[in-house]
PDB file of N, CA and C in Angstrom:
ATOM      1  N   MET A   1     165.494  25.913 143.945  1.00  0.00           N
ATOM      2  CA  MET A   1     165.596  26.241 142.608  1.00  0.00           C
ATOM      3  C   MET A   1     166.428  27.187 142.316  1.00  0.00           C
ATOM      4  N   ASN A   2     166.970  26.929 141.067  1.00  0.00           N
ATOM      5  CA  ASN A   2     168.208  27.714 140.453  1.00  0.00           C
ATOM      6  C   ASN A   2     167.768  29.191 139.958  1.00  0.00           C
ATOM      7  N   SER A   3     168.529  29.996 140.141  1.00  0.00           N
ATOM      8  CA  SER A   3     168.529  31.447 139.573  1.00  0.00           C
ATOM      9  C   SER A   3     168.434  31.349 137.898  1.00  0.00           C
ATOM     10  N   LEU A   4     167.901  32.261 137.487  1.00  0.00           N
ATOM     11  CA  LEU A   4     167.702  32.332 136.089  1.00  0.00           C
ATOM     12  C   LEU A   4     169.222  32.407 135.341  1.00  0.00           C
ATOM     13  N   GLU A   5     170.134  33.072 135.758  1.00  0.00           N
ATOM     14  CA  GLU A   5     171.612  33.265 135.884  1.00  0.00           C
ATOM     15  C   GLU A   5     172.078  31.758 135.651  1.00  0.00           C
ATOM     16  N   GLU A   6     171.870  31.194 136.742  1.00  0.00           N
ATOM     17  CA  GLU A   6     172.418  29.687 136.866  1.00  0.00           C
ATOM     18  C   GLU A   6     171.949  28.825 135.745  1.00  0.00           C
ATOM     19  N   GLN A   7     170.648  28.932 135.561  1.00  0.00           N
ATOM     20  CA  GLN A   7     169.960  28.126 134.206  1.00  0.00           C
ATOM     21  C   GLN A   7     170.612  28.431 132.923  1.00  0.00           C
ATOM     22  N   LEU A   8     170.882  29.815 132.877  1.00  0.00           N
ATOM     23  CA  LEU A   8     171.482  30.215 131.980  1.00  0.00           C
ATOM     24  C   LEU A   8     172.840  29.841 131.593  1.00  0.00           C
ATOM     25  N   LYS A   9     173.413  29.421 132.720  1.00  0.00           N
ATOM     26  CA  LYS A   9     175.252  29.192 132.471  1.00  0.00           C
ATOM     27  C   LYS A   9     174.992  27.571 132.306  1.00  0.00           C
ATOM     28  N   ASN A  10     173.985  26.915 132.721  1.00  0.00           N
ATOM     29  CA  ASN A  10     173.918  25.461 132.365  1.00  0.00           C
ATOM     30  C   ASN A  10     173.560  25.243 130.962  1.00  0.00           C
ATOM     31  N   LEU A  11     172.593  26.025 130.288  1.00  0.00           N
ATOM     32  CA  LEU A  11     172.373  25.827 129.204  1.00  0.00           C
ATOM     33  C   LEU A  11     173.307  26.263 127.928  1.00  0.00           C
ATOM     34  N   PHE A  12     174.047  27.410 128.410  1.00  0.00           N
ATOM     35  CA  PHE A  12     175.161  27.885 127.279  1.00  0.00           C
ATOM     36  C   PHE A  12     176.556  27.809 128.214  1.00  0.00           C
ATOM     37  N   PRO A  13     177.059  27.172 128.475  1.00  0.00           N
ATOM     38  CA  PRO A  13     178.482  26.896 129.098  1.00  0.00           C
ATOM     39  C   PRO A  13     179.290  27.704 128.828  1.00  0.00           C
ATOM     40  N   ASP A  14     179.587  28.023 127.340  1.00  0.00           N
ATOM     41  CA  ASP A  14     180.685  28.748 126.861  1.00  0.00           C
ATOM     42  C   ASP A  14     180.107  30.162 126.703  1.00  0.00           C
ATOM     43  N   HIS A  15     178.753  30.573 126.998  1.00  0.00           N
ATOM     44  CA  HIS A  15     178.629  32.042 126.819  1.00  0.00           C
ATOM     45  C   HIS A  15     179.019  32.753 128.087  1.00  0.00           C
ATOM     46  N   ASP A  16     180.024  33.945 127.537  1.00  0.00           N
ATOM     47  CA  ASP A  16     180.480  34.800 128.853  1.00  0.00           C
ATOM     48  C   ASP A  16     179.662  36.213 128.551  1.00  0.00           C
ATOM     49  N   PRO A  17     178.968  36.522 129.889  1.00  0.00           N
ATOM     50  CA  PRO A  17     177.815  37.563 129.914  1.00  0.00           C
ATOM     51  C   PRO A  17     178.604  38.985 129.672  1.00  0.00           C
ATOM     52  N   LYS A  18     179.889  39.039 129.790  1.00  0.00           N
ATOM     53  CA  LYS A  18     180.821  40.222 129.550  1.00  0.00           C
ATOM     54  C   LYS A  18     180.947  40.602 128.276  1.00  0.00           C
ATOM     55  N   ASP A  19     180.737  39.643 127.141  1.00  0.00           N
ATOM     56  CA  ASP A  19     181.013  40.014 125.936  1.00  0.00           C
ATOM     57  C   ASP A  19     179.720  40.568 125.094  1.00  0.00           C
ATOM     58  N   VAL A  20     178.624  40.795 125.902  1.00  0.00           N
ATOM     59  CA  VAL A  20     177.360  41.153 125.226  1.00  0.00           C
ATOM     60  C   VAL A  20     177.703  43.001 125.018  1.00  0.00           C
ATOM     61  N   PRO A  21     177.499  43.370 123.882  1.00  0.00           N
ATOM     62  CA  PRO A  21     177.878  44.779 123.884  1.00  0.00           C
ATOM     63  C   PRO A  21     176.356  45.700 124.641  1.00  0.00           C
ATOM     64  N   GLU A  22     176.737  46.728 125.075  1.00  0.00           N
ATOM     65  CA  GLU A  22     176.027  47.442 125.808  1.00  0.00           C
ATOM     66  C   GLU A  22     175.076  48.488 124.380  1.00  0.00           C
ATOM     67  N   THR A  23     173.649  48.276 124.378  1.00  0.00           N
ATOM     68  CA  THR A  23     172.744  49.110 123.532  1.00  0.00           C
ATOM     69  C   THR A  23     172.052  50.004 124.029  1.00  0.00           C
ATOM     70  N   ASN A  24     172.546  50.814 124.477  1.00  0.00           N
ATOM     71  CA  ASN A  24     171.539  51.963 125.143  1.00  0.00           C
ATOM     72  C   ASN A  24     171.474  53.249 124.628  1.00  0.00           C
ATOM     73  N   GLU A  25     171.854  52.975 123.245  1.00  0.00           N
ATOM     74  CA  GLU A  25     171.633  54.292 122.323  1.00  0.00           C
ATOM     75  C   GLU A  25     170.092  54.524 121.852  1.00  0.00           C
ATOM     76  N   GLU A  26     169.742  55.941 121.723  1.00  0.00           N
ATOM     77  CA  GLU A  26     168.214  56.125 121.375  1.00  0.00           C
ATOM     78  C   GLU A  26     168.186  55.852 120.068  1.00  0.00           C
ATOM     79  N   PRO A  27     167.018  55.441 119.489  1.00  0.00           N
ATOM     80  CA  PRO A  27     166.957  55.496 117.993  1.00  0.00           C
ATOM     81  C   PRO A  27     167.216  56.872 117.624  1.00  0.00           C
ATOM     82  N   THR A  28     168.082  56.724 116.376  1.00  0.00           N
ATOM     83  CA  THR A  28     168.184  58.192 115.980  1.00  0.00           C
ATOM     84  C   THR A  28     167.199  58.300 114.934  1.00  0.00           C
ATOM     85  N   ILE A  29     166.769  59.710 115.047  1.00  0.00           N
ATOM     86  CA  ILE A  29     165.566  60.342 114.054  1.00  0.00           C
ATOM     87  C   ILE A  29     166.329  61.281 112.881  1.00  0.00           C
ATOM     88  N   TRP A  30     165.793  61.021 111.820  1.00  0.00           N
ATOM     89  CA  TRP A  30     166.221  61.837 110.589  1.00  0.00           C
ATOM     90  C   TRP A  30     166.167  63.254 110.715  1.00  0.00           C
ATOM     91  N   MET A  31     167.001  64.281 111.011  1.00  0.00           N
ATOM     92  CA  MET A  31     166.808  65.717 111.108  1.00  0.00           C
ATOM     93  C   MET A  31     166.904  66.379 109.767  1.00  0.00           C
ATOM     94  N   GLN A  32     166.127  66.975 109.580  1.00  0.00           N
ATOM     95  CA  GLN A  32     165.251  67.646 108.504  1.00  0.00           C
ATOM     96  C   GLN A  32     165.918  68.939 108.550  1.00  0.00           C
ATOM     97  N   ASP A  33     166.204  69.993 107.325  1.00  0.00           N
ATOM     98  CA  ASP A  33     166.621  71.038 107.110  1.00  0.00           C
ATOM     99  C   ASP A  33     165.249  72.191 107.203  1.00  0.00           C
ATOM    100  N   ASP A  34     164.087  71.885 106.474  1.00  0.00           N
ATOM    101  CA  ASP A  34     162.780  72.654 106.859  1.00  0.00           C
ATOM    102  C   ASP A  34     162.639  72.574 108.543  1.00  0.00           C
ATOM    103  N   PRO A  35     162.097  73.891 108.909  1.00  0.00           N
ATOM    104  CA  PRO A  35     161.498  73.841 110.139  1.00  0.00           C
ATOM    105  C   PRO A  35     160.173  72.979 110.296  1.00  0.00           C
ATOM    106  N   LEU A  36     159.910  72.304 111.501  1.00  0.00           N
ATOM    107  CA  LEU A  36     158.617  71.727 111.790  1.00  0.00           C
ATOM    108  C   LEU A  36     158.001  72.669 112.036  1.00  0.00           C
ATOM    109  N   ILE A  37     156.431  72.550 111.776  1.00  0.00           N
ATOM    110  CA  ILE A  37     155.338  73.548 111.976  1.00  0.00           C
ATOM    111  C   ILE A  37     154.767  73.178 113.658  1.00  0.00           C
ATOM    112  N   CYS A  38     154.519  74.038 114.146  1.00  0.00           N
ATOM    113  CA  CYS A  38     154.099  73.970 115.779  1.00  0.00           C
ATOM    114  C   CYS A  38     152.649  74.873 115.751  1.00  0.00           C
ATOM    115  N   LYS A  39     151.632  74.357 115.715  1.00  0.00           N
ATOM    116  CA  LYS A  39     150.214  75.343 115.437  1.00  0.00           C
ATOM    117  C   LYS A  39     149.502  74.909 116.737  1.00  0.00           C
ATOM    118  N   TYR A  40     148.543  75.643 117.085  1.00  0.00           N
ATOM    119  CA  TYR A  40     147.604  75.766 118.157  1.00  0.00           C
ATOM    120  C   TYR A  40     146.290  75.823 117.552  1.00  0.00           C
ATOM    121  N   GLU A  41     145.330  74.767 117.765  1.00  0.00           N
ATOM    122  CA  GLU A  41     143.865  74.838 117.562  1.00  0.00           C
ATOM    123  C   GLU A  41     143.323  74.201 118.609  1.00  0.00           C
ATOM    124  N   LYS A  42     141.630  74.723 118.295  1.00  0.00           N
ATOM    125  CA  LYS A  42     140.798  74.327 119.362  1.00  0.00           C
ATOM    126  C   LYS A  42     139.781  73.237 118.328  1.00  0.00           C
ATOM    127  N   ARG A  43     139.760  71.968 118.811  1.00  0.00           N
ATOM    128  CA  ARG A  43     138.451  71.096 118.069  1.00  0.00           C
ATOM    129  C   ARG A  43     137.595  70.571 119.027  1.00  0.00           C
ATOM    130  N   LYS A  44     136.220  70.838 118.926  1.00  0.00           N
ATOM    131  CA  LYS A  44     135.508  70.486 119.627  1.00  0.00           C
ATOM    132  C   LYS A  44     135.645  71.225 121.076  1.00  0.00           C
ATOM    133  N   GLY A  45     136.144  72.380 121.073  1.00  0.00           N
ATOM    134  CA  GLY A  45     136.097  73.178 122.158  1.00  0.00           C
ATOM    135  C   GLY A  45     137.463  73.073 123.166  1.00  0.00           C
ATOM    136  N   LYS A  46     138.191  71.739 122.677  1.00  0.00           N
ATOM    137  CA  LYS A  46     139.266  71.691 123.547  1.00  0.00           C
ATOM    138  C   LYS A  46     140.701  71.839 122.720  1.00  0.00           C
ATOM    139  N   PRO A  47     141.567  72.402 123.334  1.00  0.00           N
ATOM    140  CA  PRO A  47     143.013  72.894 122.672  1.00  0.00           C
ATOM    141  C   PRO A  47     143.764  71.773 122.308  1.00  0.00           C
ATOM    142  N   ILE A  48     144.312  72.030 121.474  1.00  0.00           N
ATOM    143  CA  ILE A  48     145.390  70.628 120.833  1.00  0.00           C
ATOM    144  C   ILE A  48     146.552  71.558 120.206  1.00  0.00           C
ATOM    145  N   THR A  49     147.569  70.751 120.323  1.00  0.00           N
ATOM    146  CA  THR A  49     148.960  71.519 119.680  1.00  0.00           C
ATOM    147  C   THR A  49     149.135  70.469 118.224  1.00  0.00           C
ATOM    148  N   ILE A  50     149.416  70.885 117.072  1.00  0.00           N
ATOM    149  CA  ILE A  50     149.811  70.128 115.931  1.00  0.00           C
ATOM    150  C   ILE A  50     151.256  70.526 115.697  1.00  0.00           C
ATOM    151  N   ILE A  51     151.713  69.330 115.259  1.00  0.00           N
ATOM    152  CA  ILE A  51     153.335  69.442 114.597  1.00  0.00           C
ATOM    153  C   ILE A  51     153.232  68.645 113.467  1.00  0.00           C
ATOM    154  N   GLU A  52     153.626  69.266 112.346  1.00  0.00           N
ATOM    155  CA  GLU A  52     153.732  69.118 111.198  1.00  0.00           C
ATOM    156  C   GLU A  52     154.800  69.191 110.125  1.00  0.00           C
ATOM    157  N   GLY A  53     155.055  68.816 108.843  1.00  0.00           N
ATOM    158  CA  GLY A  53     156.042  69.221 108.328  1.00  0.00           C
ATOM    159  C   GLY A  53     157.132  68.336 108.281  1.00  0.00           C
ATOM    160  N   TYR A  54     157.127  66.949 108.750  1.00  0.00           N
ATOM    161  CA  TYR A  54     158.485  66.350 108.744  1.00  0.00           C
ATOM    162  C   TYR A  54     158.629  65.755 107.505  1.00  0.00           C
ATOM    163  N   THR A  55     159.649  65.779 107.173  1.00  0.00           N
ATOM    164  CA  THR A  55     159.820  65.041 105.664  1.00  0.00           C
ATOM    165  C   THR A  55     160.389  63.850 105.776  1.00  0.00           C
ATOM    166  N   GLY A  56     160.847  63.195 106.963  1.00  0.00           N
ATOM    167  CA  GLY A  56     161.632  62.032 106.946  1.00  0.00           C
ATOM    168  C   GLY A  56     160.547  60.749 106.793  1.00  0.00           C
ATOM    169  N   ALA A  57     160.851  59.763 107.504  1.00  0.00           N
ATOM    170  CA  ALA A  57     159.960  58.496 107.481  1.00  0.00           C
ATOM    171  C   ALA A  57     158.795  58.539 108.330  1.00  0.00           C
ATOM    172  N   ASP A  58     157.710  58.042 108.308  1.00  0.00           N
ATOM    173  CA  ASP A  58     156.607  58.042 109.374  1.00  0.00           C
ATOM    174  C   ASP A  58     156.966  57.412 110.166  1.00  0.00           C
ATOM    175  N   SER A  59     157.832  56.124 110.310  1.00  0.00           N
ATOM    176  CA  SER A  59     158.372  55.608 111.665  1.00  0.00           C
ATOM    177  C   SER A  59     159.197  56.316 112.620  1.00  0.00           C
ATOM    178  N   ASP A  60     159.707  57.303 112.051  1.00  0.00           N
ATOM    179  CA  ASP A  60     160.750  58.270 112.893  1.00  0.00           C
ATOM    180  C   ASP A  60     159.623  59.408 113.420  1.00  0.00           C
ATOM    181  N   PHE A  61     158.809  59.910 112.769  1.00  0.00           N
ATOM    182  CA  PHE A  61     157.872  60.593 113.127  1.00  0.00           C
ATOM    183  C   PHE A  61     156.805  60.045 114.448  1.00  0.00           C
ATOM    184  N   LYS A  62     156.836  58.652 114.099  1.00  0.00           N
ATOM    185  CA  LYS A  62     155.999  58.114 115.284  1.00  0.00           C
ATOM    186  C   LYS A  62     156.854  58.143 116.567  1.00  0.00           C
ATOM    187  N   ILE A  63     157.978  57.790 116.308  1.00  0.00           N
ATOM    188  CA  ILE A  63     159.000  57.966 117.613  1.00  0.00           C
ATOM    189  C   ILE A  63     158.882  58.992 118.213  1.00  0.00           C
ATOM    190  N   LEU A  64     158.900  60.058 117.591  1.00  0.00           N
ATOM    191  CA  LEU A  64     158.975  61.554 117.796  1.00  0.00           C
ATOM    192  C   LEU A  64     157.844  61.825 118.860  1.00  0.00           C
ATOM    193  N   ALA A  65     156.673  61.402 118.261  1.00  0.00           N
ATOM    194  CA  ALA A  65     155.274  61.601 118.898  1.00  0.00           C
ATOM    195  C   ALA A  65     155.068  60.663 120.168  1.00  0.00           C
ATOM    196  N   LYS A  66     155.756  59.629 120.340  1.00  0.00           N
ATOM    197  CA  LYS A  66     155.730  58.790 121.315  1.00  0.00           C
ATOM    198  C   LYS A  66     156.460  59.851 122.487  1.00  0.00           C
ATOM    199  N   GLU A  67     157.402  59.895 122.366  1.00  0.00           N
ATOM    200  CA  GLU A  67     158.560  60.806 123.177  1.00  0.00           C
ATOM    201  C   GLU A  67     158.057  61.961 123.629  1.00  0.00           C
ATOM    202  N   LEU A  68     156.998  62.681 122.576  1.00  0.00           N
ATOM    203  CA  LEU A  68     156.546  63.782 122.979  1.00  0.00           C
ATOM    204  C   LEU A  68     155.470  63.639 124.104  1.00  0.00           C
ATOM    205  N   LYS A  69     154.454  62.545 123.775  1.00  0.00           N
ATOM    206  CA  LYS A  69     153.738  62.220 124.622  1.00  0.00           C
ATOM    207  C   LYS A  69     153.833  61.951 126.068  1.00  0.00           C
ATOM    208  N   GLN A  70     155.230  60.878 126.314  1.00  0.00           N
ATOM    209  CA  GLN A  70     155.705  60.643 127.501  1.00  0.00           C
ATOM    210  C   GLN A  70     156.246  61.788 128.045  1.00  0.00           C
ATOM    211  N   LEU A  71     157.290  62.673 127.380  1.00  0.00           N
ATOM    212  CA  LEU A  71     157.369  63.747 128.131  1.00  0.00           C
ATOM    213  C   LEU A  71     156.644  64.834 128.800  1.00  0.00           C
ATOM    214  N   LEU A  72     155.505  64.821 127.838  1.00  0.00           N
ATOM    215  CA  LEU A  72     154.362  65.826 128.648  1.00  0.00           C
ATOM    216  C   LEU A  72     153.380  65.237 129.392  1.00  0.00           C
ATOM    217  N   SER A  73     153.535  63.689 129.536  1.00  0.00           N
ATOM    218  CA  SER A  73     152.347  63.142 130.094  1.00  0.00           C
ATOM    219  C   SER A  73     151.009  63.361 129.957  1.00  0.00           C
ATOM    220  N   VAL A  74     150.889  63.365 128.181  1.00  0.00           N
ATOM    221  CA  VAL A  74     149.546  63.595 128.047  1.00  0.00           C
ATOM    222  C   VAL A  74     149.049  62.880 126.422  1.00  0.00           C
ATOM    223  N   GLY A  75     148.134  62.656 126.353  1.00  0.00           N
ATOM    224  CA  GLY A  75     147.629  61.967 125.271  1.00  0.00           C
ATOM    225  C   GLY A  75     147.495  62.620 123.678  1.00  0.00           C
ATOM    226  N   GLY A  76     147.611  61.674 122.728  1.00  0.00           N
ATOM    227  CA  GLY A  76     147.745  62.436 121.378  1.00  0.00           C
ATOM    228  C   GLY A  76     147.858  61.286 120.540  1.00  0.00           C
ATOM    229  N   SER A  77     148.013  61.703 119.295  1.00  0.00           N
ATOM    230  CA  SER A  77     147.932  60.611 118.329  1.00  0.00           C
ATOM    231  C   SER A  77     148.810  61.210 116.935  1.00  0.00           C
ATOM    232  N   PHE A  78     148.985  60.232 116.081  1.00  0.00           N
ATOM    233  CA  PHE A  78     149.586  60.573 114.681  1.00  0.00           C
ATOM    234  C   PHE A  78     148.773  59.929 113.795  1.00  0.00           C
ATOM    235  N   LYS A  79     148.131  61.113 113.060  1.00  0.00           N
ATOM    236  CA  LYS A  79     147.273  60.628 111.813  1.00  0.00           C
ATOM    237  C   LYS A  79     147.774  61.897 110.742  1.00  0.00           C
ATOM    238  N   ASN A  80     147.922  61.352 109.515  1.00  0.00           N
ATOM    239  CA  ASN A  80     147.667  62.323 108.256  1.00  0.00           C
ATOM    240  C   ASN A  80     149.315  62.978 108.317  1.00  0.00           C
ATOM    241  N   GLU A  81     150.343  62.272 108.530  1.00  0.00           N
ATOM    242  CA  GLU A  81     151.713  62.990 108.879  1.00  0.00           C
ATOM    243  C   GLU A  81     151.551  64.210 109.694  1.00  0.00           C
ATOM    244  N   GLN A  82     150.853  64.221 110.910  1.00  0.00           N
ATOM    245  CA  GLN A  82     150.818  65.163 111.902  1.00  0.00           C
ATOM    246  C   GLN A  82     150.830  64.467 113.018  1.00  0.00           C
ATOM    247  N   ILE A  83     151.314  65.308 113.955  1.00  0.00           N
ATOM    248  CA  ILE A  83     151.483  64.650 115.332  1.00  0.00           C
ATOM    249  C   ILE A  83     150.586  65.525 116.089  1.00  0.00           C
ATOM    250  N   ILE A  84     149.525  65.353 116.941  1.00  0.00           N
ATOM    251  CA  ILE A  84     148.280  65.831 117.472  1.00  0.00           C
ATOM    252  C   ILE A  84     148.399  65.484 119.036  1.00  0.00           C
ATOM    253  N   ILE A  85     148.816  66.582 119.720  1.00  0.00           N
ATOM    254  CA  ILE A  85     148.821  66.435 121.205  1.00  0.00           C
ATOM    255  C   ILE A  85     147.834  67.274 121.887  1.00  0.00           C
ATOM    256  N   GLN A  86     146.981  66.713 123.077  1.00  0.00           N
ATOM    257  CA  GLN A  86     146.109  67.177 123.507  1.00  0.00           C
ATOM    258  C   GLN A  86     146.676  68.119 124.451  1.00  0.00           C
ATOM    259  N   GLY A  87     145.965  69.347 124.302  1.00  0.00           N
ATOM    260  CA  GLY A  87     146.235  70.561 125.323  1.00  0.00           C
ATOM    261  C   GLY A  87     147.402  71.635 124.482  1.00  0.00           C
ATOM    262  N   ASP A  88     147.572  72.796 125.383  1.00  0.00           N
ATOM    263  CA  ASP A  88     148.603  73.862 124.646  1.00  0.00           C
ATOM    264  C   ASP A  88     149.779  73.453 125.185  1.00  0.00           C
ATOM    265  N   TYR A  89     150.743  73.042 124.527  1.00  0.00           N
ATOM    266  CA  TYR A  89     151.949  72.821 125.119  1.00  0.00           C
ATOM    267  C   TYR A  89     153.264  73.470 123.934  1.00  0.00           C
ATOM    268  N   ARG A  90     152.856  74.308 123.427  1.00  0.00           N
ATOM    269  CA  ARG A  90     153.586  74.577 122.066  1.00  0.00           C
ATOM    270  C   ARG A  90     155.155  74.943 122.611  1.00  0.00           C
ATOM    271  N   ASP A  91     154.816  75.950 123.789  1.00  0.00           N
ATOM    272  CA  ASP A  91     156.295  76.445 124.443  1.00  0.00           C
ATOM    273  C   ASP A  91     157.322  75.032 124.703  1.00  0.00           C
ATOM    274  N   LYS A  92     156.799  74.094 125.381  1.00  0.00           N
ATOM    275  CA  LYS A  92     157.183  73.103 125.554  1.00  0.00           C
ATOM    276  C   LYS A  92     157.984  72.000 124.783  1.00  0.00           C
ATOM    277  N   ILE A  93     156.909  71.934 123.736  1.00  0.00           N
ATOM    278  CA  ILE A  93     157.106  71.252 122.643  1.00  0.00           C
ATOM    279  C   ILE A  93     158.429  71.629 121.926  1.00  0.00           C
ATOM    280  N   MET A  94     158.243  73.097 121.403  1.00  0.00           N
ATOM    281  CA  MET A  94     159.400  73.865 120.863  1.00  0.00           C
ATOM    282  C   MET A  94     160.535  73.769 121.532  1.00  0.00           C
ATOM    283  N   LYS A  95     160.873  73.747 122.619  1.00  0.00           N
ATOM    284  CA  LYS A  95     161.975  73.502 123.481  1.00  0.00           C
ATOM    285  C   LYS A  95     162.582  72.426 123.300  1.00  0.00           C
ATOM    286  N   PHE A  96     161.449  71.390 123.484  1.00  0.00           N
ATOM    287  CA  PHE A  96     162.183  69.793 123.300  1.00  0.00           C
ATOM    288  C   PHE A  96     162.733  69.629 121.922  1.00  0.00           C
ATOM    289  N   LEU A  97     162.047  70.140 120.926  1.00  0.00           N
ATOM    290  CA  LEU A  97     162.410  69.972 119.795  1.00  0.00           C
ATOM    291  C   LEU A  97     163.645  70.554 119.375  1.00  0.00           C
ATOM    292  N   LYS A  98     163.847  71.625 119.634  1.00  0.00           N
ATOM    293  CA  LYS A  98     164.973  72.552 119.336  1.00  0.00           C
ATOM    294  C   LYS A  98     166.364  71.636 120.194  1.00  0.00           C
ATOM    295  N   GLU A  99     165.849  71.316 121.372  1.00  0.00           N
ATOM    296  CA  GLU A  99     167.084  70.463 121.836  1.00  0.00           C
ATOM    297  C   GLU A  99     167.455  69.246 121.156  1.00  0.00           C
ATOM    298  N   LYS A 100     166.469  68.651 120.366  1.00  0.00           N
ATOM    299  CA  LYS A 100     166.690  67.397 119.639  1.00  0.00           C
ATOM    300  C   LYS A 100     167.574  67.813 118.354  1.00  0.00           C
ATOM    301  N   GLY A 101     167.566  69.177 118.389  1.00  0.00           N
ATOM    302  CA  GLY A 101     168.386  69.522 116.902  1.00  0.00           C
ATOM    303  C   GLY A 101     167.474  69.703 115.937  1.00  0.00           C
ATOM    304  N   PHE A 102     166.068  70.071 115.986  1.00  0.00           N
ATOM    305  CA  PHE A 102     165.102  70.347 115.160  1.00  0.00           C
ATOM    306  C   PHE A 102     164.956  71.906 115.061  1.00  0.00           C
ATOM    307  N   LYS A 103     164.676  72.531 113.613  1.00  0.00           N
ATOM    308  CA  LYS A 103     164.432  73.609 113.697  1.00  0.00           C
ATOM    309  C   LYS A 103     162.873  73.952 113.625  1.00  0.00           C
ATOM    310  N   VAL A 104     162.291  74.757 114.450  1.00  0.00           N
ATOM    311  CA  VAL A 104     160.647  74.826 114.699  1.00  0.00           C
ATOM    312  C   VAL A 104     160.329  76.149 114.550  1.00  0.00           C
ATOM    313  N   LYS A 105     159.333  75.985 113.992  1.00  0.00           N
ATOM    314  CA  LYS A 105     158.404  77.342 113.520  1.00  0.00           C
ATOM    315  C   LYS A 105     157.046  77.518 114.300  1.00  0.00           C
ATOM    316  N   ARG A 106     157.065  78.539 114.928  1.00  0.00           N
ATOM    317  CA  ARG A 106     155.451  78.671 115.578  1.00  0.00           C
ATOM    318  C   ARG A 106     154.535  79.576 114.641  1.00  0.00           C
ATOM    319  N   VAL A 107     153.444  78.814 114.388  1.00  0.00           N
ATOM    320  CA  VAL A 107     152.160  79.426 113.662  1.00  0.00           C
ATOM    321  C   VAL A 107     150.951  79.655 114.274  1.00  0.00           C
ATOM    322  N   GLY A 108     150.260  80.622 114.187  1.00  0.00           N
ATOM    323  CA  GLY A 108     149.097  81.081 114.889  1.00  0.00           C
ATOM    324  C   GLY A 108     149.286  81.142 116.293  1.00  0.00           C
ATOM    325  N   GLY A 109     148.342  81.835 116.594  1.00  0.00           N
ATOM    326  CA  GLY A 109     148.248  82.103 118.055  1.00  0.00           C
ATOM    327  C   GLY A 109     149.093  82.675 118.741  1.00  0.00           C
TER     328      GLY A 109
END
């Protein structure tokens, strides 16, 4: 049985795999001048961290939500132009956002 590479060479004899450009770039997220609001609340007795105040595209904010959830290994959601992270991770989230280049403002608690 042929390997996948050999099969591809048979299908596309003119293709040189070295010509394919490397695309390891992270998706760029729009940076804003206004600070993001990072606040702490308790809902149904459980702590949550809310990030709001993003004025860019919803898709960019969803990417940011996904990165935060992966970084912290916790659940969360994106609703009503807010990122809701389960647990109190204000310090870690603020550090991450500052490293990304965002201005962050801590509110409450």
